[in-house]
Amino acid sequence: MKYAISIISLVLIFGISGCGYKEGVATASQKSYLYFNGSTDDITVSIDGGDRFDVKEGKANQYAINPGKHLVEVYRNNNIIVKREIFVSDGVAKEIEVK
């Protein structure tokens, strides 16, 4: 009788403890960053042909993008002054020099 109760208890313990187990891996979202150095007065930037936006100079002013290959176009007075295809890895900040 004790043997049967021990077996049933073990089965219940293992059965109940297995119900709370969750499988999977949680990862943070992938992000990379661009920042601009040089003469950033009166410039606008377009990434992958998207809408233009104003930027500020310096590493403290980083702009989040998805990791991968991107076309970066920098405009001053509606003229392209920088057109560069870049590849940015996950978690990396890439500098774009503007002259």
PDB file of N, CA and C in Angstrom:
ATOM      1  N   MET A   1       0.814  -1.182   0.000  1.00  0.00           N
ATOM      2  CA  MET A   1       0.000   0.000   0.000  1.00  0.00           C
ATOM      3  C   MET A   1       0.871   1.265   0.000  1.00  0.00           C
ATOM      4  N   LYS A   2       1.922   1.254   0.843  1.00  0.00           N
ATOM      5  CA  LYS A   2       2.823   2.404   0.879  1.00  0.00           C
ATOM      6  C   LYS A   2       3.505   2.595  -0.477  1.00  0.00           C
ATOM      7  N   TYR A   3       3.832   1.500  -1.129  1.00  0.00           N
ATOM      8  CA  TYR A   3       4.481   1.549  -2.431  1.00  0.00           C
ATOM      9  C   TYR A   3       3.553   2.214  -3.462  1.00  0.00           C
ATOM     10  N   ALA A   4       2.293   1.887  -3.468  1.00  0.00           N
ATOM     11  CA  ALA A   4       1.328   2.459  -4.405  1.00  0.00           C
ATOM     12  C   ALA A   4       1.135   3.948  -4.131  1.00  0.00           C
ATOM     13  N   ILE A   5       1.058   4.336  -2.866  1.00  0.00           N
ATOM     14  CA  ILE A   5       0.888   5.743  -2.505  1.00  0.00           C
ATOM     15  C   ILE A   5       2.130   6.537  -2.917  1.00  0.00           C
ATOM     16  N   SER A   6       3.306   5.960  -2.755  1.00  0.00           N
ATOM     17  CA  SER A   6       4.547   6.631  -3.153  1.00  0.00           C
ATOM     18  C   SER A   6       4.581   6.842  -4.660  1.00  0.00           C
ATOM     19  N   ILE A   7       4.199   5.855  -5.435  1.00  0.00           N
ATOM     20  CA  ILE A   7       4.197   5.954  -6.898  1.00  0.00           C
ATOM     21  C   ILE A   7       3.190   7.023  -7.343  1.00  0.00           C
ATOM     22  N   ILE A   8       2.005   6.990  -6.786  1.00  0.00           N
ATOM     23  CA  ILE A   8       0.977   7.974  -7.141  1.00  0.00           C
ATOM     24  C   ILE A   8       1.434   9.381  -6.758  1.00  0.00           C
ATOM     25  N   SER A   9       2.047   9.553  -5.609  1.00  0.00           N
ATOM     26  CA  SER A   9       2.550  10.860  -5.175  1.00  0.00           C
ATOM     27  C   SER A   9       3.613  11.384  -6.128  1.00  0.00           C
ATOM     28  N   LEU A  10       4.536  10.528  -6.544  1.00  0.00           N
ATOM     29  CA  LEU A  10       5.587  10.938  -7.474  1.00  0.00           C
ATOM     30  C   LEU A  10       5.005  11.340  -8.826  1.00  0.00           C
ATOM     31  N   VAL A  11       4.051  10.557  -9.307  1.00  0.00           N
ATOM     32  CA  VAL A  11       3.425  10.879 -10.587  1.00  0.00           C
ATOM     33  C   VAL A  11       2.712  12.222 -10.507  1.00  0.00           C
ATOM     34  N   LEU A  12       2.005  12.471  -9.421  1.00  0.00           N
ATOM     35  CA  LEU A  12       1.312  13.746  -9.250  1.00  0.00           C
ATOM     36  C   LEU A  12       2.293  14.914  -9.144  1.00  0.00           C
ATOM     37  N   ILE A  13       3.369  14.727  -8.408  1.00  0.00           N
ATOM     38  CA  ILE A  13       4.366  15.794  -8.251  1.00  0.00           C
ATOM     39  C   ILE A  13       4.989  16.139  -9.598  1.00  0.00           C
ATOM     40  N   PHE A  14       5.405  15.140 -10.351  1.00  0.00           N
ATOM     41  CA  PHE A  14       6.012  15.394 -11.662  1.00  0.00           C
ATOM     42  C   PHE A  14       4.986  15.936 -12.648  1.00  0.00           C
ATOM     43  N   GLY A  15       3.774  15.462 -12.573  1.00  0.00           N
ATOM     44  CA  GLY A  15       2.725  15.943 -13.473  1.00  0.00           C
ATOM     45  C   GLY A  15       2.371  17.389 -13.216  1.00  0.00           C
ATOM     46  N   ILE A  16       2.235  17.780 -11.968  1.00  0.00           N
ATOM     47  CA  ILE A  16       1.875  19.153 -11.622  1.00  0.00           C
ATOM     48  C   ILE A  16       3.037  20.104 -11.895  1.00  0.00           C
ATOM     49  N   SER A  17       4.249  19.689 -11.602  1.00  0.00           N
ATOM     50  CA  SER A  17       5.399  20.582 -11.821  1.00  0.00           C
ATOM     51  C   SER A  17       5.648  20.807 -13.306  1.00  0.00           C
ATOM     52  N   GLY A  18       5.291  19.889 -14.152  1.00  0.00           N
ATOM     53  CA  GLY A  18       5.485  20.048 -15.597  1.00  0.00           C
ATOM     54  C   GLY A  18       4.495  21.008 -16.224  1.00  0.00           C
ATOM     55  N   CYS A  19       3.397  21.301 -15.561  1.00  0.00           N
ATOM     56  CA  CYS A  19       2.372  22.186 -16.122  1.00  0.00           C
ATOM     57  C   CYS A  19       2.835  23.634 -16.198  1.00  0.00           C
ATOM     58  N   GLY A  20       3.740  24.044 -15.359  1.00  0.00           N
ATOM     59  CA  GLY A  20       4.180  25.429 -15.339  1.00  0.00           C
ATOM     60  C   GLY A  20       5.359  25.709 -16.250  1.00  0.00           C
ATOM     61  N   TYR A  21       5.887  24.743 -16.923  1.00  0.00           N
ATOM     62  CA  TYR A  21       7.078  24.921 -17.750  1.00  0.00           C
ATOM     63  C   TYR A  21       6.718  25.603 -19.061  1.00  0.00           C
ATOM     64  N   LYS A  22       7.437  26.654 -19.397  1.00  0.00           N
ATOM     65  CA  LYS A  22       7.225  27.360 -20.657  1.00  0.00           C
ATOM     66  C   LYS A  22       8.525  27.340 -21.436  1.00  0.00           C
ATOM     67  N   GLU A  23       8.423  27.036 -22.695  1.00  0.00           N
ATOM     68  CA  GLU A  23       9.605  26.946 -23.532  1.00  0.00           C
ATOM     69  C   GLU A  23       9.672  28.159 -24.443  1.00  0.00           C
ATOM     70  N   GLY A  24      10.871  28.652 -24.708  1.00  0.00           N
ATOM     71  CA  GLY A  24      11.044  29.775 -25.618  1.00  0.00           C
ATOM     72  C   GLY A  24      12.186  30.653 -25.190  1.00  0.00           C
ATOM     73  N   VAL A  25      12.539  31.556 -26.076  1.00  0.00           N
ATOM     74  CA  VAL A  25      13.628  32.486 -25.817  1.00  0.00           C
ATOM     75  C   VAL A  25      13.103  33.893 -26.051  1.00  0.00           C
ATOM     76  N   ALA A  26      13.308  34.759 -25.101  1.00  0.00           N
ATOM     77  CA  ALA A  26      12.914  36.160 -25.243  1.00  0.00           C
ATOM     78  C   ALA A  26      14.135  36.977 -25.637  1.00  0.00           C
ATOM     79  N   THR A  27      14.001  37.771 -26.687  1.00  0.00           N
ATOM     80  CA  THR A  27      15.094  38.638 -27.118  1.00  0.00           C
ATOM     81  C   THR A  27      14.584  40.064 -27.251  1.00  0.00           C
ATOM     82  N   ALA A  28      15.484  40.993 -27.101  1.00  0.00           N
ATOM     83  CA  ALA A  28      15.130  42.400 -27.272  1.00  0.00           C
ATOM     84  C   ALA A  28      14.959  42.691 -28.761  1.00  0.00           C
ATOM     85  N   SER A  29      14.182  43.714 -29.056  1.00  0.00           N
ATOM     86  CA  SER A  29      13.989  44.076 -30.460  1.00  0.00           C
ATOM     87  C   SER A  29      15.319  44.555 -31.048  1.00  0.00           C
ATOM     88  N   GLN A  30      15.499  44.291 -32.315  1.00  0.00           N
ATOM     89  CA  GLN A  30      16.749  44.644 -32.970  1.00  0.00           C
ATOM     90  C   GLN A  30      16.710  46.116 -33.362  1.00  0.00           C
ATOM     91  N   LYS A  31      17.752  46.834 -32.983  1.00  0.00           N
ATOM     92  CA  LYS A  31      17.867  48.247 -33.314  1.00  0.00           C
ATOM     93  C   LYS A  31      19.316  48.574 -33.607  1.00  0.00           C
ATOM     94  N   SER A  32      19.498  49.472 -34.555  1.00  0.00           N
ATOM     95  CA  SER A  32      20.792  50.063 -34.853  1.00  0.00           C
ATOM     96  C   SER A  32      20.586  51.570 -34.862  1.00  0.00           C
ATOM     97  N   TYR A  33      21.681  52.309 -34.967  1.00  0.00           N
ATOM     98  CA  TYR A  33      21.567  53.756 -34.850  1.00  0.00           C
ATOM     99  C   TYR A  33      22.465  54.462 -35.857  1.00  0.00           C
ATOM    100  N   LEU A  34      22.033  55.653 -36.278  1.00  0.00           N
ATOM    101  CA  LEU A  34      22.839  56.551 -37.096  1.00  0.00           C
ATOM    102  C   LEU A  34      23.046  57.840 -36.313  1.00  0.00           C
ATOM    103  N   TYR A  35      24.217  58.422 -36.474  1.00  0.00           N
ATOM    104  CA  TYR A  35      24.431  59.770 -35.959  1.00  0.00           C
ATOM    105  C   TYR A  35      25.292  60.524 -36.954  1.00  0.00           C
ATOM    106  N   PHE A  36      25.195  61.848 -36.913  1.00  0.00           N
ATOM    107  CA  PHE A  36      25.792  62.684 -37.941  1.00  0.00           C
ATOM    108  C   PHE A  36      26.794  63.639 -37.310  1.00  0.00           C
ATOM    109  N   ASN A  37      27.948  63.783 -37.950  1.00  0.00           N
ATOM    110  CA  ASN A  37      28.996  64.703 -37.509  1.00  0.00           C
ATOM    111  C   ASN A  37      29.380  65.604 -38.655  1.00  0.00           C
ATOM    112  N   GLY A  38      29.841  66.781 -38.315  1.00  0.00           N
ATOM    113  CA  GLY A  38      30.247  67.749 -39.322  1.00  0.00           C
ATOM    114  C   GLY A  38      29.291  68.920 -39.334  1.00  0.00           C
ATOM    115  N   SER A  39      29.113  69.503 -40.491  1.00  0.00           N
ATOM    116  CA  SER A  39      28.260  70.673 -40.647  1.00  0.00           C
ATOM    117  C   SER A  39      26.816  70.224 -40.904  1.00  0.00           C
ATOM    118  N   THR A  40      26.038  70.130 -39.840  1.00  0.00           N
ATOM    119  CA  THR A  40      24.657  69.647 -39.976  1.00  0.00           C
ATOM    120  C   THR A  40      23.638  70.779 -40.041  1.00  0.00           C
ATOM    121  N   ASP A  41      24.096  72.026 -40.159  1.00  0.00           N
ATOM    122  CA  ASP A  41      23.169  73.152 -40.273  1.00  0.00           C
ATOM    123  C   ASP A  41      22.422  73.062 -41.598  1.00  0.00           C
ATOM    124  N   ASP A  42      21.117  73.245 -41.555  1.00  0.00           N
ATOM    125  CA  ASP A  42      20.266  73.290 -42.751  1.00  0.00           C
ATOM    126  C   ASP A  42      20.322  72.025 -43.598  1.00  0.00           C
ATOM    127  N   ILE A  43      20.455  70.859 -42.962  1.00  0.00           N
ATOM    128  CA  ILE A  43      20.431  69.623 -43.748  1.00  0.00           C
ATOM    129  C   ILE A  43      19.185  68.813 -43.390  1.00  0.00           C
ATOM    130  N   THR A  44      18.782  67.999 -44.343  1.00  0.00           N
ATOM    131  CA  THR A  44      17.724  67.016 -44.119  1.00  0.00           C
ATOM    132  C   THR A  44      18.251  65.666 -44.580  1.00  0.00           C
ATOM    133  N   VAL A  45      17.690  64.609 -44.024  1.00  0.00           N
ATOM    134  CA  VAL A  45      18.169  63.258 -44.303  1.00  0.00           C
ATOM    135  C   VAL A  45      17.000  62.386 -44.744  1.00  0.00           C
ATOM    136  N   SER A  46      17.266  61.534 -45.709  1.00  0.00           N
ATOM    137  CA  SER A  46      16.291  60.539 -46.146  1.00  0.00           C
ATOM    138  C   SER A  46      16.959  59.169 -46.064  1.00  0.00           C
ATOM    139  N   ILE A  47      16.246  58.211 -45.491  1.00  0.00           N
ATOM    140  CA  ILE A  47      16.766  56.853 -45.397  1.00  0.00           C
ATOM    141  C   ILE A  47      15.887  55.941 -46.242  1.00  0.00           C
ATOM    142  N   ASP A  48      16.514  55.244 -47.171  1.00  0.00           N
ATOM    143  CA  ASP A  48      15.832  54.314 -48.073  1.00  0.00           C
ATOM    144  C   ASP A  48      14.714  54.998 -48.857  1.00  0.00           C
ATOM    145  N   GLY A  49      14.922  56.257 -49.256  1.00  0.00           N
ATOM    146  CA  GLY A  49      13.941  56.970 -50.064  1.00  0.00           C
ATOM    147  C   GLY A  49      12.718  57.446 -49.293  1.00  0.00           C
ATOM    148  N   GLY A  50      12.762  57.389 -47.971  1.00  0.00           N
ATOM    149  CA  GLY A  50      11.632  57.826 -47.148  1.00  0.00           C
ATOM    150  C   GLY A  50      11.567  59.334 -47.019  1.00  0.00           C
ATOM    151  N   ASP A  51      10.644  59.798 -46.192  1.00  0.00           N
ATOM    152  CA  ASP A  51      10.483  61.231 -45.946  1.00  0.00           C
ATOM    153  C   ASP A  51      11.752  61.810 -45.343  1.00  0.00           C
ATOM    154  N   ARG A  52      12.043  63.047 -45.707  1.00  0.00           N
ATOM    155  CA  ARG A  52      13.211  63.744 -45.156  1.00  0.00           C
ATOM    156  C   ARG A  52      12.913  64.230 -43.744  1.00  0.00           C
ATOM    157  N   PHE A  53      13.966  64.268 -42.925  1.00  0.00           N
ATOM    158  CA  PHE A  53      13.845  64.770 -41.564  1.00  0.00           C
ATOM    159  C   PHE A  53      15.101  65.526 -41.190  1.00  0.00           C
ATOM    160  N   ASP A  54      14.956  66.474 -40.257  1.00  0.00           N
ATOM    161  CA  ASP A  54      16.093  67.268 -39.772  1.00  0.00           C
ATOM    162  C   ASP A  54      16.882  66.451 -38.766  1.00  0.00           C
ATOM    163  N   VAL A  55      18.187  66.693 -38.696  1.00  0.00           N
ATOM    164  CA  VAL A  55      19.041  65.999 -37.730  1.00  0.00           C
ATOM    165  C   VAL A  55      19.887  67.014 -36.973  1.00  0.00           C
ATOM    166  N   LYS A  56      20.358  66.579 -35.826  1.00  0.00           N
ATOM    167  CA  LYS A  56      21.293  67.363 -35.026  1.00  0.00           C
ATOM    168  C   LYS A  56      22.631  66.646 -35.020  1.00  0.00           C
ATOM    169  N   GLU A  57      23.689  67.420 -34.817  1.00  0.00           N
ATOM    170  CA  GLU A  57      25.045  66.868 -34.845  1.00  0.00           C
ATOM    171  C   GLU A  57      25.388  66.178 -33.534  1.00  0.00           C
ATOM    172  N   GLY A  58      26.234  65.162 -33.630  1.00  0.00           N
ATOM    173  CA  GLY A  58      26.839  64.553 -32.457  1.00  0.00           C
ATOM    174  C   GLY A  58      26.340  63.162 -32.136  1.00  0.00           C
ATOM    175  N   LYS A  59      27.190  62.447 -31.430  1.00  0.00           N
ATOM    176  CA  LYS A  59      26.888  61.070 -31.043  1.00  0.00           C
ATOM    177  C   LYS A  59      25.736  61.003 -30.046  1.00  0.00           C
ATOM    178  N   ALA A  60      25.494  62.100 -29.336  1.00  0.00           N
ATOM    179  CA  ALA A  60      24.391  62.132 -28.376  1.00  0.00           C
ATOM    180  C   ALA A  60      23.033  62.158 -29.076  1.00  0.00           C
ATOM    181  N   ASN A  61      23.007  62.511 -30.353  1.00  0.00           N
ATOM    182  CA  ASN A  61      21.764  62.575 -31.139  1.00  0.00           C
ATOM    183  C   ASN A  61      21.729  61.403 -32.113  1.00  0.00           C
ATOM    184  N   GLN A  62      21.316  60.259 -31.626  1.00  0.00           N
ATOM    185  CA  GLN A  62      21.284  59.052 -32.456  1.00  0.00           C
ATOM    186  C   GLN A  62      19.864  58.781 -32.931  1.00  0.00           C
ATOM    187  N   TYR A  63      19.772  58.277 -34.162  1.00  0.00           N
ATOM    188  CA  TYR A  63      18.485  57.986 -34.791  1.00  0.00           C
ATOM    189  C   TYR A  63      18.388  56.483 -35.019  1.00  0.00           C
ATOM    190  N   ALA A  64      17.322  55.886 -34.477  1.00  0.00           N
ATOM    191  CA  ALA A  64      17.159  54.429 -34.530  1.00  0.00           C
ATOM    192  C   ALA A  64      16.717  53.982 -35.918  1.00  0.00           C
ATOM    193  N   ILE A  65      17.356  52.897 -36.408  1.00  0.00           N
ATOM    194  CA  ILE A  65      16.972  52.257 -37.665  1.00  0.00           C
ATOM    195  C   ILE A  65      17.043  50.750 -37.456  1.00  0.00           C
ATOM    196  N   ASN A  66      16.460  50.016 -38.364  1.00  0.00           N
ATOM    197  CA  ASN A  66      16.562  48.555 -38.308  1.00  0.00           C
ATOM    198  C   ASN A  66      17.944  48.124 -38.790  1.00  0.00           C
ATOM    199  N   PRO A  67      18.479  47.049 -38.237  1.00  0.00           N
ATOM    200  CA  PRO A  67      19.763  46.542 -38.737  1.00  0.00           C
ATOM    201  C   PRO A  67      19.619  46.121 -40.203  1.00  0.00           C
ATOM    202  N   GLY A  68      20.709  46.239 -40.927  1.00  0.00           N
ATOM    203  CA  GLY A  68      20.700  45.811 -42.326  1.00  0.00           C
ATOM    204  C   GLY A  68      21.265  46.865 -43.243  1.00  0.00           C
ATOM    205  N   LYS A  69      20.950  46.722 -44.532  1.00  0.00           N
ATOM    206  CA  LYS A  69      21.469  47.586 -45.582  1.00  0.00           C
ATOM    207  C   LYS A  69      20.504  48.754 -45.801  1.00  0.00           C
ATOM    208  N   HIS A  70      21.057  49.971 -45.886  1.00  0.00           N
ATOM    209  CA  HIS A  70      20.238  51.170 -46.055  1.00  0.00           C
ATOM    210  C   HIS A  70      20.928  52.143 -47.003  1.00  0.00           C
ATOM    211  N   LEU A  71      20.108  52.932 -47.696  1.00  0.00           N
ATOM    212  CA  LEU A  71      20.600  54.034 -48.516  1.00  0.00           C
ATOM    213  C   LEU A  71      20.341  55.321 -47.749  1.00  0.00           C
ATOM    214  N   VAL A  72      21.414  56.045 -47.422  1.00  0.00           N
ATOM    215  CA  VAL A  72      21.314  57.300 -46.672  1.00  0.00           C
ATOM    216  C   VAL A  72      21.628  58.442 -47.623  1.00  0.00           C
ATOM    217  N   GLU A  73      20.693  59.402 -47.720  1.00  0.00           N
ATOM    218  CA  GLU A  73      20.880  60.580 -48.563  1.00  0.00           C
ATOM    219  C   GLU A  73      20.767  61.820 -47.677  1.00  0.00           C
ATOM    220  N   VAL A  74      21.778  62.681 -47.755  1.00  0.00           N
ATOM    221  CA  VAL A  74      21.808  63.918 -46.980  1.00  0.00           C
ATOM    222  C   VAL A  74      21.680  65.079 -47.963  1.00  0.00           C
ATOM    223  N   TYR A  75      20.727  65.962 -47.691  1.00  0.00           N
ATOM    224  CA  TYR A  75      20.437  67.098 -48.565  1.00  0.00           C
ATOM    225  C   TYR A  75      20.744  68.414 -47.864  1.00  0.00           C
ATOM    226  N   ARG A  76      21.275  69.362 -48.632  1.00  0.00           N
ATOM    227  CA  ARG A  76      21.402  70.745 -48.183  1.00  0.00           C
ATOM    228  C   ARG A  76      20.877  71.611 -49.323  1.00  0.00           C
ATOM    229  N   ASN A  77      19.892  72.448 -49.038  1.00  0.00           N
ATOM    230  CA  ASN A  77      19.251  73.297 -50.052  1.00  0.00           C
ATOM    231  C   ASN A  77      18.762  72.473 -51.248  1.00  0.00           C
ATOM    232  N   ASN A  78      18.148  71.338 -50.957  1.00  0.00           N
ATOM    233  CA  ASN A  78      17.582  70.420 -51.963  1.00  0.00           C
ATOM    234  C   ASN A  78      18.630  69.794 -52.886  1.00  0.00           C
ATOM    235  N   ASN A  79      19.900  69.871 -52.531  1.00  0.00           N
ATOM    236  CA  ASN A  79      20.973  69.217 -53.294  1.00  0.00           C
ATOM    237  C   ASN A  79      21.547  68.076 -52.461  1.00  0.00           C
ATOM    238  N   ILE A  80      21.764  66.938 -53.087  1.00  0.00           N
ATOM    239  CA  ILE A  80      22.363  65.805 -52.367  1.00  0.00           C
ATOM    240  C   ILE A  80      23.840  66.102 -52.144  1.00  0.00           C
ATOM    241  N   ILE A  81      24.248  66.079 -50.872  1.00  0.00           N
ATOM    242  CA  ILE A  81      25.667  66.282 -50.565  1.00  0.00           C
ATOM    243  C   ILE A  81      26.322  64.978 -50.101  1.00  0.00           C
ATOM    244  N   VAL A  82      25.524  64.026 -49.632  1.00  0.00           N
ATOM    245  CA  VAL A  82      26.030  62.703 -49.256  1.00  0.00           C
ATOM    246  C   VAL A  82      25.004  61.677 -49.721  1.00  0.00           C
ATOM    247  N   LYS A  83      25.480  60.681 -50.442  1.00  0.00           N
ATOM    248  CA  LYS A  83      24.630  59.558 -50.843  1.00  0.00           C
ATOM    249  C   LYS A  83      25.467  58.304 -50.615  1.00  0.00           C
ATOM    250  N   ARG A  84      25.078  57.526 -49.615  1.00  0.00           N
ATOM    251  CA  ARG A  84      25.900  56.403 -49.210  1.00  0.00           C
ATOM    252  C   ARG A  84      25.037  55.194 -48.885  1.00  0.00           C
ATOM    253  N   GLU A  85      25.453  54.042 -49.381  1.00  0.00           N
ATOM    254  CA  GLU A  85      24.800  52.792 -49.014  1.00  0.00           C
ATOM    255  C   GLU A  85      25.607  52.193 -47.870  1.00  0.00           C
ATOM    256  N   ILE A  86      24.916  51.885 -46.782  1.00  0.00           N
ATOM    257  CA  ILE A  86      25.593  51.400 -45.585  1.00  0.00           C
ATOM    258  C   ILE A  86      24.982  50.085 -45.133  1.00  0.00           C
ATOM    259  N   PHE A  87      25.736  49.348 -44.347  1.00  0.00           N
ATOM    260  CA  PHE A  87      25.228  48.159 -43.667  1.00  0.00           C
ATOM    261  C   PHE A  87      25.499  48.348 -42.187  1.00  0.00           C
ATOM    262  N   VAL A  88      24.445  48.206 -41.380  1.00  0.00           N
ATOM    263  CA  VAL A  88      24.567  48.416 -39.942  1.00  0.00           C
ATOM    264  C   VAL A  88      24.141  47.139 -39.222  1.00  0.00           C
ATOM    265  N   SER A  89      25.009  46.629 -38.365  1.00  0.00           N
ATOM    266  CA  SER A  89      24.706  45.426 -37.577  1.00  0.00           C
ATOM    267  C   SER A  89      23.834  45.781 -36.382  1.00  0.00           C
ATOM    268  N   ASP A  90      23.241  44.768 -35.774  1.00  0.00           N
ATOM    269  CA  ASP A  90      22.374  44.949 -34.613  1.00  0.00           C
ATOM    270  C   ASP A  90      23.149  45.569 -33.458  1.00  0.00           C
ATOM    271  N   GLY A  91      22.602  46.630 -32.885  1.00  0.00           N
ATOM    272  CA  GLY A  91      23.203  47.275 -31.725  1.00  0.00           C
ATOM    273  C   GLY A  91      24.357  48.203 -32.033  1.00  0.00           C
ATOM    274  N   VAL A  92      24.631  48.482 -33.307  1.00  0.00           N
ATOM    275  CA  VAL A  92      25.773  49.304 -33.700  1.00  0.00           C
ATOM    276  C   VAL A  92      25.301  50.715 -34.039  1.00  0.00           C
ATOM    277  N   ALA A  93      26.100  51.706 -33.664  1.00  0.00           N
ATOM    278  CA  ALA A  93      25.859  53.096 -34.041  1.00  0.00           C
ATOM    279  C   ALA A  93      26.833  53.463 -35.152  1.00  0.00           C
ATOM    280  N   LYS A  94      26.322  53.903 -36.289  1.00  0.00           N
ATOM    281  CA  LYS A  94      27.124  54.238 -37.466  1.00  0.00           C
ATOM    282  C   LYS A  94      27.181  55.754 -37.634  1.00  0.00           C
ATOM    283  N   GLU A  95      28.391  56.279 -37.824  1.00  0.00           N
ATOM    284  CA  GLU A  95      28.590  57.712 -38.015  1.00  0.00           C
ATOM    285  C   GLU A  95      28.521  58.052 -39.499  1.00  0.00           C
ATOM    286  N   ILE A  96      27.807  59.136 -39.818  1.00  0.00           N
ATOM    287  CA  ILE A  96      27.770  59.687 -41.179  1.00  0.00           C
ATOM    288  C   ILE A  96      28.418  61.073 -41.104  1.00  0.00           C
ATOM    289  N   GLU A  97      29.516  61.242 -41.821  1.00  0.00           N
ATOM    290  CA  GLU A  97      30.249  62.512 -41.830  1.00  0.00           C
ATOM    291  C   GLU A  97      29.627  63.423 -42.892  1.00  0.00           C
ATOM    292  N   VAL A  98      29.282  64.648 -42.474  1.00  0.00           N
ATOM    293  CA  VAL A  98      28.690  65.638 -43.365  1.00  0.00           C
ATOM    294  C   VAL A  98      29.659  66.796 -43.483  1.00  0.00           C
ATOM    295  N   LYS A  99      29.996  67.168 -44.725  1.00  0.00           N
ATOM    296  CA  LYS A  99      30.928  68.287 -44.949  1.00  0.00           C
ATOM    297  C   LYS A  99      30.224  69.457 -45.567  1.00  0.00           C
TER     298      LYS A  99
END
